[in-house]
Every structure is written in C-alpha cells, then in structure tokens.
Amino acid sequence: MKQTSILVLALLLLGGLAWTESGDEGSVLPLDLPSGHAVTDEEDDEDQSESIIFFGQEFEGQAFFFLLDKSGSMVGAKMASLKHELATSIQGLSRSSEFGMVAFSTGNLIYSPLPKKATASRKANAIAWVDALQPYGATFMLDGATALLPIASLSRKRHRVVIAVGDGLPNGPGADDTLQGILTANWENLPFNTILFGTQQAAIDFMSDLAAATGGSFSSNPD
C-alpha cells in the first residue's frame, strides 16, 4: 500500500513538470510549446516599395517627400495642375508608406515636421492642405529644401525619394549657390527627382543638374 502511494505521488510530480494551470479555471497549458514570431502580411508589406505616378512619371519608394513651388508665378493653371497631381498621388499611397511636404516661396509652409504614415485620414488631411495652397512671393527653393530634408531624415524607411516641382530659377542665392546648398544639406544623398514647368533653358539646366547630382530624374512640362 505504501509503495502504491509513492508511485502515485511520483506520477503527479512528473505531470506537474509538463503542465501548468492557466489563468482560466479548469484549463491547463503546456509549458514547452515553441514561441517563434511569425511574420505577418502587414510586416512584410512594410518592407515593400511601391510606385506612384506624378506628372506622368513613375517614382518608386517607401517614403515620398514633396518639395513644392508656390511662388507667385505658379498662379493659375500650373498651381491647379500641381494640386490635381498631388491629390491623385497621395490618394494612391498605401498605408505602409510615408510622406511629407514643404511648399516654398517667400517663406515655407510645412505640412508636418514629422513623416506621416499614409492612413486614410492623413491622406484626406494632406489633400485638404494641398488644396489650400495659394501662390505668392519669390522662389526660395533652398529654404524649402533645407526644411524638407530633416523631415525626410526622420523616416525609418530604407527607400526614400524627394520630388521637387518648380517653374523657374530659384531666388535668394542664385542657381549655383542653391544647388550647392541643397547638396550640402542632403547629407544622406537622397535622390531629388525634379519636375519643371516651362522651357526656360537656364531653369532646365538647374533642375536637371540637381537631379543628376543626386541620382534622381528630370522632366519638364510646358507652361
């Protein structure tokens, strides 16, 4: 009888090593189940680049930062076209991507000091911000670029691109100083993809030089 009691006690002790009670009354959970982390579809999407179409050009990335000319010369059809293209591109972003915007002229308008994830509510807010832009002032592109680049640097996305839109030569420092100033501020060597309204040769040279120096693309649209 004593030997039987010892055997039963030993079996109970061995069973206790393999199972423990959970917080729910009457249920037990195994202690030694594997606890590996499965990669979800959402996490996998975070690492994927996507493409947007902006003024007929395809841009691929995970985070998109727009440098926008809102100087007085953008009034009328050019600003209307810019607003339409931006709204379409922003609306097409997936929620895993990030974006940022700075509109420059005599002073900057900054959409947000931080990169924003492209959720539905933030895209709607961004489109409303774009729609409210009003052209005025001069073309201080260097000020706009040095405001945008720190925002882009805060993004944790690996594939970040800048898209710069303008309609002429920059004011303030001239074209050469503006180019050198942007290259100095762009310490992460992000590609500047430039889009020019107009056919002025000096402006074409400036915007194409900025794109070439950073590994970006250049395109132009007639006024």
C-alpha atoms as a PDB file:
ATOM      1  CA  MET A   1       0.000   0.000   0.000  1.00  0.00           C
ATOM      2  CA  LYS A   2       2.852   2.325   0.923  1.00  0.00           C
ATOM      3  CA  GLN A   3       4.614   1.538  -2.374  1.00  0.00           C
ATOM      4  CA  THR A   4       1.410   2.313  -4.339  1.00  0.00           C
ATOM      5  CA  SER A   5       1.092   5.719  -2.649  1.00  0.00           C
ATOM      6  CA  ILE A   6       4.694   6.575  -3.504  1.00  0.00           C
ATOM      7  CA  LEU A   7       4.134   5.598  -7.175  1.00  0.00           C
ATOM      8  CA  VAL A   8       1.030   7.792  -7.448  1.00  0.00           C
ATOM      9  CA  LEU A   9       2.864  10.728  -5.879  1.00  0.00           C
ATOM     10  CA  ALA A  10       5.763  10.338  -8.311  1.00  0.00           C
ATOM     11  CA  LEU A  11       3.411  10.326 -11.318  1.00  0.00           C
ATOM     12  CA  LEU A  12       1.708  13.507 -10.083  1.00  0.00           C
ATOM     13  CA  LEU A  13       5.050  15.250  -9.668  1.00  0.00           C
ATOM     14  CA  LEU A  14       6.176  14.262 -13.158  1.00  0.00           C
ATOM     15  CA  GLY A  15       2.905  15.516 -14.636  1.00  0.00           C
ATOM     16  CA  GLY A  16       3.384  18.852 -12.905  1.00  0.00           C
ATOM     17  CA  LEU A  17       6.675  19.351 -14.761  1.00  0.00           C
ATOM     18  CA  ALA A  18       4.934  19.227 -18.113  1.00  0.00           C
ATOM     19  CA  TRP A  19       1.777  21.237 -17.474  1.00  0.00           C
ATOM     20  CA  THR A  20       0.793  24.314 -15.512  1.00  0.00           C
ATOM     21  CA  GLU A  21      -2.549  25.923 -14.801  1.00  0.00           C
ATOM     22  CA  SER A  22      -3.628  28.905 -16.845  1.00  0.00           C
ATOM     23  CA  GLY A  23      -5.494  31.912 -15.550  1.00  0.00           C
ATOM     24  CA  ASP A  24      -8.780  30.310 -16.641  1.00  0.00           C
ATOM     25  CA  GLU A  25     -10.259  27.977 -14.074  1.00  0.00           C
ATOM     26  CA  GLY A  26     -10.227  24.330 -15.085  1.00  0.00           C
ATOM     27  CA  SER A  27      -7.827  24.640 -18.051  1.00  0.00           C
ATOM     28  CA  VAL A  28      -4.141  23.866 -18.415  1.00  0.00           C
ATOM     29  CA  LEU A  29      -1.460  24.968 -20.869  1.00  0.00           C
ATOM     30  CA  PRO A  30       1.760  23.211 -21.945  1.00  0.00           C
ATOM     31  CA  LEU A  31       4.995  24.861 -20.774  1.00  0.00           C
ATOM     32  CA  ASP A  32       7.281  23.830 -23.607  1.00  0.00           C
ATOM     33  CA  LEU A  33       5.455  24.968 -26.740  1.00  0.00           C
ATOM     34  CA  PRO A  34       7.652  26.864 -29.266  1.00  0.00           C
ATOM     35  CA  SER A  35       7.218  30.648 -29.158  1.00  0.00           C
ATOM     36  CA  GLY A  36       8.614  31.693 -32.533  1.00  0.00           C
ATOM     37  CA  HIS A  37       7.472  35.028 -34.074  1.00  0.00           C
ATOM     38  CA  ALA A  38       5.552  34.599 -37.315  1.00  0.00           C
ATOM     39  CA  VAL A  39       5.942  37.329 -39.949  1.00  0.00           C
ATOM     40  CA  THR A  40       2.568  38.833 -40.704  1.00  0.00           C
ATOM     41  CA  ASP A  41       1.409  40.120 -44.064  1.00  0.00           C
ATOM     42  CA  GLU A  42       1.382  43.657 -42.662  1.00  0.00           C
ATOM     43  CA  GLU A  43       5.032  43.425 -41.537  1.00  0.00           C
ATOM     44  CA  ASP A  44       6.024  42.038 -44.920  1.00  0.00           C
ATOM     45  CA  ASP A  45       4.244  44.963 -46.623  1.00  0.00           C
ATOM     46  CA  GLU A  46       6.305  47.415 -44.553  1.00  0.00           C
ATOM     47  CA  ASP A  47       9.423  46.321 -46.465  1.00  0.00           C
ATOM     48  CA  GLN A  48       7.894  46.630 -49.931  1.00  0.00           C
ATOM     49  CA  SER A  49       8.458  49.570 -52.262  1.00  0.00           C
ATOM     50  CA  GLU A  50       5.565  50.935 -54.264  1.00  0.00           C
ATOM     51  CA  SER A  51       5.157  53.159 -57.295  1.00  0.00           C
ATOM     52  CA  ILE A  52       3.281  56.399 -57.783  1.00  0.00           C
ATOM     53  CA  ILE A  53       2.599  58.292 -60.988  1.00  0.00           C
ATOM     54  CA  PHE A  54       3.218  62.036 -60.718  1.00  0.00           C
ATOM     55  CA  PHE A  55       3.036  64.266 -63.803  1.00  0.00           C
ATOM     56  CA  GLY A  56       3.285  61.176 -65.978  1.00  0.00           C
ATOM     57  CA  GLN A  57       6.483  59.951 -64.308  1.00  0.00           C
ATOM     58  CA  GLU A  58       6.757  56.781 -62.245  1.00  0.00           C
ATOM     59  CA  PHE A  59       8.512  57.052 -58.893  1.00  0.00           C
ATOM     60  CA  GLU A  60       9.291  54.041 -56.734  1.00  0.00           C
ATOM     61  CA  GLY A  61       9.910  54.183 -52.997  1.00  0.00           C
ATOM     62  CA  GLN A  62       8.663  53.544 -49.489  1.00  0.00           C
ATOM     63  CA  ALA A  63       8.558  57.210 -48.413  1.00  0.00           C
ATOM     64  CA  PHE A  64       7.839  60.203 -50.657  1.00  0.00           C
ATOM     65  CA  PHE A  65       8.776  63.803 -49.809  1.00  0.00           C
ATOM     66  CA  PHE A  66       7.419  66.622 -51.966  1.00  0.00           C
ATOM     67  CA  LEU A  67       9.158  69.997 -52.399  1.00  0.00           C
ATOM     68  CA  LEU A  68       6.549  72.282 -53.931  1.00  0.00           C
ATOM     69  CA  ASP A  69       6.899  75.681 -55.591  1.00  0.00           C
ATOM     70  CA  LYS A  70       4.090  78.004 -54.501  1.00  0.00           C
ATOM     71  CA  SER A  71       5.686  81.234 -55.729  1.00  0.00           C
ATOM     72  CA  GLY A  72       3.580  83.899 -57.441  1.00  0.00           C
ATOM     73  CA  SER A  73       4.490  82.655 -60.917  1.00  0.00           C
ATOM     74  CA  MET A  74       2.705  79.362 -60.174  1.00  0.00           C
ATOM     75  CA  VAL A  75      -0.684  81.100 -60.171  1.00  0.00           C
ATOM     76  CA  GLY A  76      -3.417  79.746 -62.427  1.00  0.00           C
ATOM     77  CA  ALA A  77      -3.156  76.570 -64.471  1.00  0.00           C
ATOM     78  CA  LYS A  78       0.216  75.498 -63.051  1.00  0.00           C
ATOM     79  CA  MET A  79      -0.984  75.521 -59.455  1.00  0.00           C
ATOM     80  CA  ALA A  80      -4.249  73.839 -60.420  1.00  0.00           C
ATOM     81  CA  SER A  81      -2.311  71.088 -62.190  1.00  0.00           C
ATOM     82  CA  LEU A  82       0.051  70.680 -59.222  1.00  0.00           C
ATOM     83  CA  LYS A  83      -2.866  70.310 -56.810  1.00  0.00           C
ATOM     84  CA  HIS A  84      -4.551  67.724 -59.020  1.00  0.00           C
ATOM     85  CA  GLU A  85      -1.408  65.620 -59.438  1.00  0.00           C
ATOM     86  CA  LEU A  86      -0.606  65.748 -55.734  1.00  0.00           C
ATOM     87  CA  ALA A  87      -4.105  64.755 -54.703  1.00  0.00           C
ATOM     88  CA  THR A  88      -4.050  61.786 -57.082  1.00  0.00           C
ATOM     89  CA  SER A  89      -0.607  60.620 -55.953  1.00  0.00           C
ATOM     90  CA  ILE A  90      -1.313  60.994 -52.234  1.00  0.00           C
ATOM     91  CA  GLN A  91      -4.615  59.179 -52.545  1.00  0.00           C
ATOM     92  CA  GLY A  92      -2.831  56.279 -54.238  1.00  0.00           C
ATOM     93  CA  LEU A  93      -0.324  55.705 -51.416  1.00  0.00           C
ATOM     94  CA  SER A  94      -0.680  52.530 -49.372  1.00  0.00           C
ATOM     95  CA  ARG A  95      -0.938  52.778 -45.590  1.00  0.00           C
ATOM     96  CA  SER A  96       2.537  51.254 -45.213  1.00  0.00           C
ATOM     97  CA  SER A  97       4.201  54.180 -46.998  1.00  0.00           C
ATOM     98  CA  GLU A  98       5.180  57.555 -45.524  1.00  0.00           C
ATOM     99  CA  PHE A  99       5.133  61.055 -46.953  1.00  0.00           C
ATOM    100  CA  GLY A 100       5.968  64.663 -46.197  1.00  0.00           C
ATOM    101  CA  MET A 101       5.520  68.042 -47.919  1.00  0.00           C
ATOM    102  CA  VAL A 102       7.034  71.522 -47.856  1.00  0.00           C
ATOM    103  CA  ALA A 103       5.702  74.323 -50.077  1.00  0.00           C
ATOM    104  CA  PHE A 104       8.214  77.124 -50.603  1.00  0.00           C
ATOM    105  CA  SER A 105       8.120  80.741 -51.756  1.00  0.00           C
ATOM    106  CA  THR A 106       8.839  83.785 -49.582  1.00  0.00           C
ATOM    107  CA  GLY A 107       8.681  81.577 -46.511  1.00  0.00           C
ATOM    108  CA  ASN A 108       7.759  77.914 -46.212  1.00  0.00           C
ATOM    109  CA  LEU A 109       4.568  76.058 -45.448  1.00  0.00           C
ATOM    110  CA  ILE A 110       5.363  72.734 -43.770  1.00  0.00           C
ATOM    111  CA  TYR A 111       2.669  70.070 -43.807  1.00  0.00           C
ATOM    112  CA  SER A 112       4.132  68.283 -40.783  1.00  0.00           C
ATOM    113  CA  PRO A 113       7.527  68.363 -39.026  1.00  0.00           C
ATOM    114  CA  LEU A 114       7.401  64.558 -38.972  1.00  0.00           C
ATOM    115  CA  PRO A 115       6.928  61.985 -41.755  1.00  0.00           C
ATOM    116  CA  LYS A 116       3.344  60.800 -41.836  1.00  0.00           C
ATOM    117  CA  LYS A 117       2.068  57.301 -42.482  1.00  0.00           C
ATOM    118  CA  ALA A 118      -0.408  57.299 -45.356  1.00  0.00           C
ATOM    119  CA  THR A 119      -3.539  56.302 -43.482  1.00  0.00           C
ATOM    120  CA  ALA A 120      -6.912  57.238 -44.958  1.00  0.00           C
ATOM    121  CA  SER A 121      -7.462  60.116 -42.521  1.00  0.00           C
ATOM    122  CA  ARG A 122      -3.983  61.552 -43.021  1.00  0.00           C
ATOM    123  CA  LYS A 123      -4.285  61.367 -46.792  1.00  0.00           C
ATOM    124  CA  ALA A 124      -7.569  63.263 -46.621  1.00  0.00           C
ATOM    125  CA  ASN A 125      -5.966  65.873 -44.376  1.00  0.00           C
ATOM    126  CA  ALA A 126      -2.965  66.200 -46.709  1.00  0.00           C
ATOM    127  CA  ILE A 127      -5.145  66.685 -49.772  1.00  0.00           C
ATOM    128  CA  ALA A 128      -7.067  69.440 -47.972  1.00  0.00           C
ATOM    129  CA  TRP A 129      -3.738  71.095 -47.077  1.00  0.00           C
ATOM    130  CA  VAL A 130      -2.616  70.963 -50.704  1.00  0.00           C
ATOM    131  CA  ASP A 131      -5.926  72.367 -51.919  1.00  0.00           C
ATOM    132  CA  ALA A 132      -5.499  75.396 -49.636  1.00  0.00           C
ATOM    133  CA  LEU A 133      -2.103  76.402 -51.108  1.00  0.00           C
ATOM    134  CA  GLN A 134      -2.077  79.898 -52.611  1.00  0.00           C
ATOM    135  CA  PRO A 135       0.730  81.126 -54.888  1.00  0.00           C
ATOM    136  CA  TYR A 136       2.612  84.242 -53.821  1.00  0.00           C
ATOM    137  CA  GLY A 137       6.120  85.589 -53.361  1.00  0.00           C
ATOM    138  CA  ALA A 138       9.520  84.597 -54.692  1.00  0.00           C
ATOM    139  CA  THR A 139      11.165  81.221 -55.336  1.00  0.00           C
ATOM    140  CA  PHE A 140      13.308  80.475 -52.277  1.00  0.00           C
ATOM    141  CA  MET A 141      13.884  76.831 -53.102  1.00  0.00           C
ATOM    142  CA  LEU A 142      16.949  76.406 -50.881  1.00  0.00           C
ATOM    143  CA  ASP A 143      14.920  77.368 -47.809  1.00  0.00           C
ATOM    144  CA  GLY A 144      12.283  74.815 -48.765  1.00  0.00           C
ATOM    145  CA  ALA A 145      14.804  72.050 -49.347  1.00  0.00           C
ATOM    146  CA  THR A 146      16.602  72.644 -46.049  1.00  0.00           C
ATOM    147  CA  ALA A 147      13.227  72.433 -44.294  1.00  0.00           C
ATOM    148  CA  LEU A 148      12.193  69.219 -46.072  1.00  0.00           C
ATOM    149  CA  LEU A 149      15.395  67.205 -45.731  1.00  0.00           C
ATOM    150  CA  PRO A 150      15.354  66.997 -41.906  1.00  0.00           C
ATOM    151  CA  ILE A 151      11.794  65.665 -42.115  1.00  0.00           C
ATOM    152  CA  ALA A 152      12.896  63.003 -44.606  1.00  0.00           C
ATOM    153  CA  SER A 153      15.804  62.066 -42.326  1.00  0.00           C
ATOM    154  CA  LEU A 154      13.330  61.150 -39.568  1.00  0.00           C
ATOM    155  CA  SER A 155      11.761  58.423 -41.687  1.00  0.00           C
ATOM    156  CA  ARG A 156      12.889  54.881 -40.903  1.00  0.00           C
ATOM    157  CA  LYS A 157      12.085  53.716 -44.437  1.00  0.00           C
ATOM    158  CA  ARG A 158      15.054  52.491 -46.445  1.00  0.00           C
ATOM    159  CA  HIS A 159      13.857  53.732 -49.845  1.00  0.00           C
ATOM    160  CA  ARG A 160      13.112  57.457 -49.584  1.00  0.00           C
ATOM    161  CA  VAL A 161      12.772  59.830 -52.530  1.00  0.00           C
ATOM    162  CA  VAL A 162      12.320  63.573 -52.925  1.00  0.00           C
ATOM    163  CA  ILE A 163      10.167  65.032 -55.707  1.00  0.00           C
ATOM    164  CA  ALA A 164      10.792  68.740 -56.364  1.00  0.00           C
ATOM    165  CA  VAL A 165       8.460  70.839 -58.522  1.00  0.00           C
ATOM    166  CA  GLY A 166       9.241  74.359 -59.749  1.00  0.00           C
ATOM    167  CA  ASP A 167       8.662  76.745 -62.628  1.00  0.00           C
ATOM    168  CA  GLY A 168      11.911  78.683 -62.920  1.00  0.00           C
ATOM    169  CA  LEU A 169      15.254  79.635 -61.453  1.00  0.00           C
ATOM    170  CA  PRO A 170      15.481  79.991 -57.669  1.00  0.00           C
ATOM    171  CA  ASN A 171      15.641  83.384 -55.991  1.00  0.00           C
ATOM    172  CA  GLY A 172      17.687  84.335 -52.950  1.00  0.00           C
ATOM    173  CA  PRO A 173      21.018  82.703 -53.635  1.00  0.00           C
ATOM    174  CA  GLY A 174      21.382  82.112 -57.344  1.00  0.00           C
ATOM    175  CA  ALA A 175      21.132  78.785 -59.103  1.00  0.00           C
ATOM    176  CA  ASP A 176      24.719  77.715 -58.383  1.00  0.00           C
ATOM    177  CA  ASP A 177      24.553  78.581 -54.672  1.00  0.00           C
ATOM    178  CA  THR A 178      21.130  76.965 -54.344  1.00  0.00           C
ATOM    179  CA  LEU A 179      22.416  73.767 -55.936  1.00  0.00           C
ATOM    180  CA  GLN A 180      25.461  73.637 -53.676  1.00  0.00           C
ATOM    181  CA  GLY A 181      23.361  74.464 -50.619  1.00  0.00           C
ATOM    182  CA  ILE A 182      20.943  71.621 -51.333  1.00  0.00           C
ATOM    183  CA  LEU A 183      23.761  69.147 -51.950  1.00  0.00           C
ATOM    184  CA  THR A 184      25.398  70.142 -48.656  1.00  0.00           C
ATOM    185  CA  ALA A 185      22.127  69.785 -46.734  1.00  0.00           C
ATOM    186  CA  ASN A 186      21.416  66.448 -48.427  1.00  0.00           C
ATOM    187  CA  TRP A 187      23.974  64.528 -46.351  1.00  0.00           C
ATOM    188  CA  GLU A 188      22.028  61.272 -46.799  1.00  0.00           C
ATOM    189  CA  ASN A 189      22.268  61.586 -50.587  1.00  0.00           C
ATOM    190  CA  LEU A 190      18.554  61.198 -51.175  1.00  0.00           C
ATOM    191  CA  PRO A 191      17.618  61.318 -54.872  1.00  0.00           C
ATOM    192  CA  PHE A 192      15.963  64.570 -55.976  1.00  0.00           C
ATOM    193  CA  ASN A 193      13.534  63.911 -58.819  1.00  0.00           C
ATOM    194  CA  THR A 194      12.836  67.299 -60.399  1.00  0.00           C
ATOM    195  CA  ILE A 195       9.875  68.451 -62.462  1.00  0.00           C
ATOM    196  CA  LEU A 196       9.920  71.811 -64.224  1.00  0.00           C
ATOM    197  CA  PHE A 197       7.023  73.856 -65.529  1.00  0.00           C
ATOM    198  CA  GLY A 198       8.301  75.746 -68.556  1.00  0.00           C
ATOM    199  CA  THR A 199      11.024  75.633 -71.155  1.00  0.00           C
ATOM    200  CA  GLN A 200      13.497  78.268 -69.946  1.00  0.00           C
ATOM    201  CA  GLN A 201      16.928  76.834 -70.693  1.00  0.00           C
ATOM    202  CA  ALA A 202      18.603  78.159 -67.544  1.00  0.00           C
ATOM    203  CA  ALA A 203      15.860  76.605 -65.401  1.00  0.00           C
ATOM    204  CA  ILE A 204      16.158  73.333 -67.295  1.00  0.00           C
ATOM    205  CA  ASP A 205      19.908  73.331 -66.637  1.00  0.00           C
ATOM    206  CA  PHE A 206      19.422  73.975 -62.921  1.00  0.00           C
ATOM    207  CA  MET A 207      16.733  71.342 -62.359  1.00  0.00           C
ATOM    208  CA  SER A 208      18.486  68.711 -64.462  1.00  0.00           C
ATOM    209  CA  ASP A 209      21.799  69.385 -62.668  1.00  0.00           C
ATOM    210  CA  LEU A 210      20.095  68.934 -59.277  1.00  0.00           C
ATOM    211  CA  ALA A 211      18.585  65.629 -60.395  1.00  0.00           C
ATOM    212  CA  ALA A 212      21.837  64.354 -61.919  1.00  0.00           C
ATOM    213  CA  ALA A 213      23.920  65.288 -58.863  1.00  0.00           C
ATOM    214  CA  THR A 214      21.669  63.259 -56.555  1.00  0.00           C
ATOM    215  CA  GLY A 215      20.852  60.291 -58.771  1.00  0.00           C
ATOM    216  CA  GLY A 216      17.309  61.442 -59.466  1.00  0.00           C
ATOM    217  CA  SER A 217      15.358  62.043 -62.674  1.00  0.00           C
ATOM    218  CA  PHE A 218      14.395  65.233 -64.510  1.00  0.00           C
ATOM    219  CA  SER A 219      11.329  66.002 -66.594  1.00  0.00           C
ATOM    220  CA  SER A 220       9.704  69.163 -67.878  1.00  0.00           C
ATOM    221  CA  ASN A 221       6.176  70.210 -68.689  1.00  0.00           C
ATOM    222  CA  PRO A 222       5.390  73.155 -70.986  1.00  0.00           C
ATOM    223  CA  ASP A 223       3.572  76.110 -69.394  1.00  0.00           C
END
